Amino acid sequence: MSQMRRSVVSIPSNIAEGKRRGSDADFRRFLFIAFGSGGELETQIEISMRLGYLDKVKAEQLLEQLGEVMRMLNGFLSKSF
């Protein structure tokens, strides 16, 4: 669970850090890092469900919320900088 917490915190932290760096290239790079953290979290949710730490309903709710965040990140990344 602590790894999941780190992944959750990493997503907005990388977005904020990239934005504060000041350049579009840095922002884009940190958005990709945030997107990678989302991928890690997706995997951790799936593993937690399979191992019985999360029930299927809760895992699906979390994956749905994560999917929304990932779509927003993808939208940022698809925009030209």
Protein backbone atom coordinates (compact mmCIF):
# COMPACT_ATOMS: atom_id res chain seq x y z
CA MET A 1 0.00 0.00 0.00
CA SER A 2 2.86 2.43 0.66
CA GLN A 3 4.03 2.00 -2.94
CA MET A 4 0.52 2.86 -4.10
CA ARG A 5 0.56 5.99 -1.94
CA ARG A 6 3.88 7.03 -3.44
CA SER A 7 2.50 6.56 -6.96
CA VAL A 8 -0.63 8.54 -6.12
CA VAL A 9 1.42 11.43 -4.70
CA SER A 10 3.89 11.27 -7.57
CA ILE A 11 1.30 12.12 -10.23
CA PRO A 12 0.34 15.65 -9.08
CA SER A 13 3.82 16.26 -7.68
CA ASN A 14 5.43 15.73 -11.08
CA ILE A 15 2.83 17.92 -12.78
CA ALA A 16 3.52 20.72 -10.29
CA GLU A 17 7.28 20.35 -10.51
CA GLY A 18 7.25 20.37 -14.29
CA LYS A 19 5.07 23.48 -14.37
CA ARG A 20 7.34 25.30 -11.92
CA ARG A 21 10.43 24.52 -13.99
CA GLY A 22 9.30 27.21 -16.42
CA SER A 23 9.98 25.67 -19.81
CA ASP A 24 7.52 23.80 -21.99
CA ALA A 25 10.06 21.03 -22.54
CA ASP A 26 10.45 20.47 -18.80
CA PHE A 27 6.69 20.54 -18.27
CA ARG A 28 6.19 17.97 -21.01
CA ARG A 29 8.93 15.73 -19.60
CA PHE A 30 7.36 15.80 -16.13
CA LEU A 31 3.92 15.09 -17.60
CA PHE A 32 5.39 11.92 -19.10
CA ILE A 33 6.82 11.00 -15.70
CA ALA A 34 3.38 11.58 -14.11
CA PHE A 35 1.82 9.41 -16.84
CA GLY A 36 4.33 6.66 -15.98
CA SER A 37 3.37 6.89 -12.31
CA GLY A 38 -0.24 6.42 -13.36
CA GLY A 39 0.76 3.26 -15.19
CA GLU A 40 2.52 2.01 -12.07
CA LEU A 41 -0.55 2.73 -9.98
CA GLU A 42 -2.79 0.91 -12.45
CA THR A 43 -0.59 -2.16 -12.14
CA GLN A 44 -0.51 -1.93 -8.34
CA ILE A 45 -4.31 -1.72 -8.16
CA GLU A 46 -4.64 -4.77 -10.39
CA ILE A 47 -2.12 -6.75 -8.34
CA SER A 48 -3.80 -5.70 -5.08
CA MET A 49 -7.12 -6.95 -6.39
CA ARG A 50 -5.67 -10.26 -7.54
CA LEU A 51 -4.00 -10.82 -4.19
CA GLY A 52 -7.20 -10.03 -2.31
CA TYR A 53 -6.11 -6.74 -0.74
CA LEU A 54 -8.82 -4.86 -2.68
CA ASP A 55 -12.23 -6.17 -3.57
CA LYS A 56 -13.19 -6.08 -7.23
CA VAL A 57 -15.74 -3.27 -6.85
CA LYS A 58 -13.27 -0.96 -5.09
CA ALA A 59 -10.52 -1.80 -7.58
CA GLU A 60 -12.83 -0.98 -10.48
CA GLN A 61 -13.78 2.35 -8.85
CA LEU A 62 -10.13 3.23 -8.40
CA LEU A 63 -9.27 2.23 -11.96
CA GLU A 64 -12.14 4.36 -13.26
CA GLN A 65 -10.89 7.39 -11.33
CA LEU A 66 -7.33 6.75 -12.45
CA GLY A 67 -8.55 6.46 -16.04
CA GLU A 68 -10.03 9.93 -15.78
CA VAL A 69 -6.71 11.33 -14.54
CA MET A 70 -4.82 9.51 -17.28
CA ARG A 71 -7.17 10.94 -19.94
CA MET A 72 -6.50 14.43 -18.60
CA LEU A 73 -2.75 13.83 -18.70
CA ASN A 74 -3.05 12.47 -22.22
CA GLY A 75 -4.93 15.61 -23.18
CA PHE A 76 -2.12 17.77 -21.84
CA LEU A 77 0.46 15.68 -23.65
CA SER A 78 -1.39 15.82 -26.97
CA LYS A 79 -1.41 19.63 -26.96
CA SER A 80 1.42 21.38 -28.71
CA PHE A 81 3.84 23.22 -26.45
